[in-house]
Amino acid sequence: MSEVTELSNANKQKLVSDMKVVVADAEEILRATAGVAGDKMGDLRERIGERLRDAKLRLADAEAALVDRTKAAARATDDFVHENPWRAVGVAAAIGLLLGVIIGRR
């Protein structure tokens, strides 16, 4: 998997995590204002509740898509290594050598 794809997946995972926090906070606000009377507050709570339900559904879809892409990338990597074992060993050795040179200079 390329470095760009890994960064993209990490960013998506962070976004999903952040969205879960936002949804949880919004639900907590709704629960805290449940005792507040008034037609406008009731309408507002209802609209926010609907939007939170929609956001939860979209978040679940995004999370499932992220998991599917991560699994596909892992399968592709596994297939590559099985089809090209010596090439994979060479790449791993080159990366190890490069890391050794970088660490050795410090």
C-alpha atoms as a PDB file:
ATOM      1  CA  MET A   1       0.000   0.000   0.000  1.00  0.00           C
ATOM      2  CA  SER A   2       1.397   3.407  -0.890  1.00  0.00           C
ATOM      3  CA  GLU A   3       2.233   6.055   1.653  1.00  0.00           C
ATOM      4  CA  VAL A   4      -0.459   8.360   0.232  1.00  0.00           C
ATOM      5  CA  THR A   5      -3.110   5.661   0.642  1.00  0.00           C
ATOM      6  CA  GLU A   6      -1.967   4.995   4.213  1.00  0.00           C
ATOM      7  CA  LEU A   7      -2.169   8.719   5.031  1.00  0.00           C
ATOM      8  CA  SER A   8      -5.587   8.911   3.402  1.00  0.00           C
ATOM      9  CA  ASN A   9      -6.830   5.955   5.437  1.00  0.00           C
ATOM     10  CA  ALA A  10      -5.383   7.458   8.624  1.00  0.00           C
ATOM     11  CA  ASN A  11      -7.113  10.767   7.875  1.00  0.00           C
ATOM     12  CA  LYS A  12     -10.402   8.985   7.208  1.00  0.00           C
ATOM     13  CA  GLN A  13     -10.094   7.020  10.437  1.00  0.00           C
ATOM     14  CA  LYS A  14      -9.427  10.270  12.314  1.00  0.00           C
ATOM     15  CA  LEU A  15     -12.461  11.884  10.648  1.00  0.00           C
ATOM     16  CA  VAL A  16     -14.696   8.948  11.605  1.00  0.00           C
ATOM     17  CA  SER A  17     -13.399   9.105  15.167  1.00  0.00           C
ATOM     18  CA  ASP A  18     -13.950  12.863  15.374  1.00  0.00           C
ATOM     19  CA  MET A  19     -17.451  12.563  13.949  1.00  0.00           C
ATOM     20  CA  LYS A  20     -18.331   9.951  16.572  1.00  0.00           C
ATOM     21  CA  VAL A  21     -17.255  12.401  19.276  1.00  0.00           C
ATOM     22  CA  VAL A  22     -19.344  15.201  17.735  1.00  0.00           C
ATOM     23  CA  VAL A  23     -22.418  12.953  17.498  1.00  0.00           C
ATOM     24  CA  ALA A  24     -21.988  11.819  21.108  1.00  0.00           C
ATOM     25  CA  ASP A  25     -21.648  15.436  22.289  1.00  0.00           C
ATOM     26  CA  ALA A  26     -24.742  16.501  20.343  1.00  0.00           C
ATOM     27  CA  GLU A  27     -26.732  13.625  21.851  1.00  0.00           C
ATOM     28  CA  GLU A  28     -25.586  14.690  25.307  1.00  0.00           C
ATOM     29  CA  ILE A  29     -26.744  18.258  24.616  1.00  0.00           C
ATOM     30  CA  LEU A  30     -30.127  16.951  23.480  1.00  0.00           C
ATOM     31  CA  ARG A  31     -30.496  14.935  26.679  1.00  0.00           C
ATOM     32  CA  ALA A  32     -29.452  17.925  28.802  1.00  0.00           C
ATOM     33  CA  THR A  33     -32.045  20.200  27.208  1.00  0.00           C
ATOM     34  CA  ALA A  34     -34.869  17.667  27.325  1.00  0.00           C
ATOM     35  CA  GLY A  35     -36.506  19.433  30.279  1.00  0.00           C
ATOM     36  CA  VAL A  36     -36.498  22.861  28.622  1.00  0.00           C
ATOM     37  CA  ALA A  37     -40.029  23.826  27.605  1.00  0.00           C
ATOM     38  CA  GLY A  38     -41.192  25.731  24.578  1.00  0.00           C
ATOM     39  CA  ASP A  39     -42.342  24.984  21.068  1.00  0.00           C
ATOM     40  CA  LYS A  40     -39.177  26.341  19.482  1.00  0.00           C
ATOM     41  CA  MET A  41     -36.949  24.194  21.707  1.00  0.00           C
ATOM     42  CA  GLY A  42     -39.048  21.120  20.930  1.00  0.00           C
ATOM     43  CA  ASP A  43     -38.819  21.779  17.199  1.00  0.00           C
ATOM     44  CA  LEU A  44     -35.106  22.430  17.458  1.00  0.00           C
ATOM     45  CA  ARG A  45     -34.502  19.207  19.395  1.00  0.00           C
ATOM     46  CA  GLU A  46     -36.532  17.270  16.832  1.00  0.00           C
ATOM     47  CA  ARG A  47     -34.561  18.709  13.887  1.00  0.00           C
ATOM     48  CA  ILE A  48     -31.242  18.082  15.617  1.00  0.00           C
ATOM     49  CA  GLY A  49     -32.327  14.531  16.433  1.00  0.00           C
ATOM     50  CA  GLU A  50     -33.176  13.860  12.782  1.00  0.00           C
ATOM     51  CA  ARG A  51     -29.855  15.273  11.618  1.00  0.00           C
ATOM     52  CA  LEU A  52     -27.989  13.209  14.191  1.00  0.00           C
ATOM     53  CA  ARG A  53     -29.709  10.037  12.978  1.00  0.00           C
ATOM     54  CA  ASP A  54     -28.739  10.898   9.397  1.00  0.00           C
ATOM     55  CA  ALA A  55     -25.173  11.673  10.459  1.00  0.00           C
ATOM     56  CA  LYS A  56     -24.930   8.339  12.299  1.00  0.00           C
ATOM     57  CA  LEU A  57     -26.058   6.470   9.182  1.00  0.00           C
ATOM     58  CA  ARG A  58     -23.564   8.294   6.954  1.00  0.00           C
ATOM     59  CA  LEU A  59     -20.837   7.739   9.529  1.00  0.00           C
ATOM     60  CA  ALA A  60     -21.569   4.012   9.662  1.00  0.00           C
ATOM     61  CA  ASP A  61     -21.447   3.872   5.846  1.00  0.00           C
ATOM     62  CA  ALA A  62     -18.136   5.755   5.754  1.00  0.00           C
ATOM     63  CA  GLU A  63     -16.663   3.489   8.411  1.00  0.00           C
ATOM     64  CA  ALA A  64     -17.771   0.359   6.529  1.00  0.00           C
ATOM     65  CA  ALA A  65     -16.281   1.699   3.285  1.00  0.00           C
ATOM     66  CA  LEU A  66     -13.008   2.451   5.058  1.00  0.00           C
ATOM     67  CA  VAL A  67     -12.853  -1.055   6.502  1.00  0.00           C
ATOM     68  CA  ASP A  68     -13.597  -2.567   3.082  1.00  0.00           C
ATOM     69  CA  ARG A  69     -10.837  -0.520   1.401  1.00  0.00           C
ATOM     70  CA  THR A  70      -8.355  -1.415   4.124  1.00  0.00           C
ATOM     71  CA  LYS A  71      -9.153  -5.110   3.743  1.00  0.00           C
ATOM     72  CA  ALA A  72      -8.830  -4.845  -0.051  1.00  0.00           C
ATOM     73  CA  ALA A  73      -5.424  -3.177   0.295  1.00  0.00           C
ATOM     74  CA  ALA A  74      -4.283  -5.892   2.704  1.00  0.00           C
ATOM     75  CA  ARG A  75      -5.468  -8.598   0.287  1.00  0.00           C
ATOM     76  CA  ALA A  76      -3.681  -6.905  -2.623  1.00  0.00           C
ATOM     77  CA  THR A  77      -0.464  -6.718  -0.603  1.00  0.00           C
ATOM     78  CA  ASP A  78      -0.792 -10.357   0.415  1.00  0.00           C
ATOM     79  CA  ASP A  79      -1.421 -11.401  -3.196  1.00  0.00           C
ATOM     80  CA  PHE A  80       1.603  -9.413  -4.384  1.00  0.00           C
ATOM     81  CA  VAL A  81       3.867 -11.018  -1.804  1.00  0.00           C
ATOM     82  CA  HIS A  82       2.636 -14.511  -2.723  1.00  0.00           C
ATOM     83  CA  GLU A  83       3.038 -13.865  -6.446  1.00  0.00           C
ATOM     84  CA  ASN A  84       6.427 -12.128  -6.145  1.00  0.00           C
ATOM     85  CA  PRO A  85       8.161 -13.448  -3.018  1.00  0.00           C
ATOM     86  CA  TRP A  86      11.725 -12.524  -4.068  1.00  0.00           C
ATOM     87  CA  ARG A  87      10.714  -9.058  -5.160  1.00  0.00           C
ATOM     88  CA  ALA A  88       9.013  -8.557  -1.779  1.00  0.00           C
ATOM     89  CA  VAL A  89      12.154  -9.741   0.015  1.00  0.00           C
ATOM     90  CA  GLY A  90      14.233  -7.319  -2.064  1.00  0.00           C
ATOM     91  CA  VAL A  91      11.956  -4.385  -1.279  1.00  0.00           C
ATOM     92  CA  ALA A  92      11.987  -5.254   2.431  1.00  0.00           C
ATOM     93  CA  ALA A  93      15.797  -5.518   2.388  1.00  0.00           C
ATOM     94  CA  ALA A  94      16.121  -2.175   0.613  1.00  0.00           C
ATOM     95  CA  ILE A  95      13.828  -0.504   3.133  1.00  0.00           C
ATOM     96  CA  GLY A  96      15.794  -2.067   5.991  1.00  0.00           C
ATOM     97  CA  LEU A  97      19.081  -0.854   4.497  1.00  0.00           C
ATOM     98  CA  LEU A  98      17.703   2.648   4.018  1.00  0.00           C
ATOM     99  CA  LEU A  99      16.440   2.782   7.596  1.00  0.00           C
ATOM    100  CA  GLY A 100      19.788   1.485   8.829  1.00  0.00           C
ATOM    101  CA  VAL A 101      21.653   4.237   6.971  1.00  0.00           C
ATOM    102  CA  ILE A 102      19.288   6.911   8.274  1.00  0.00           C
ATOM    103  CA  ILE A 103      19.505   5.678  11.870  1.00  0.00           C
ATOM    104  CA  GLY A 104      23.281   5.228  11.595  1.00  0.00           C
ATOM    105  CA  ARG A 105      23.770   8.894  10.659  1.00  0.00           C
ATOM    106  CA  ARG A 106      22.080  10.139  13.818  1.00  0.00           C
END
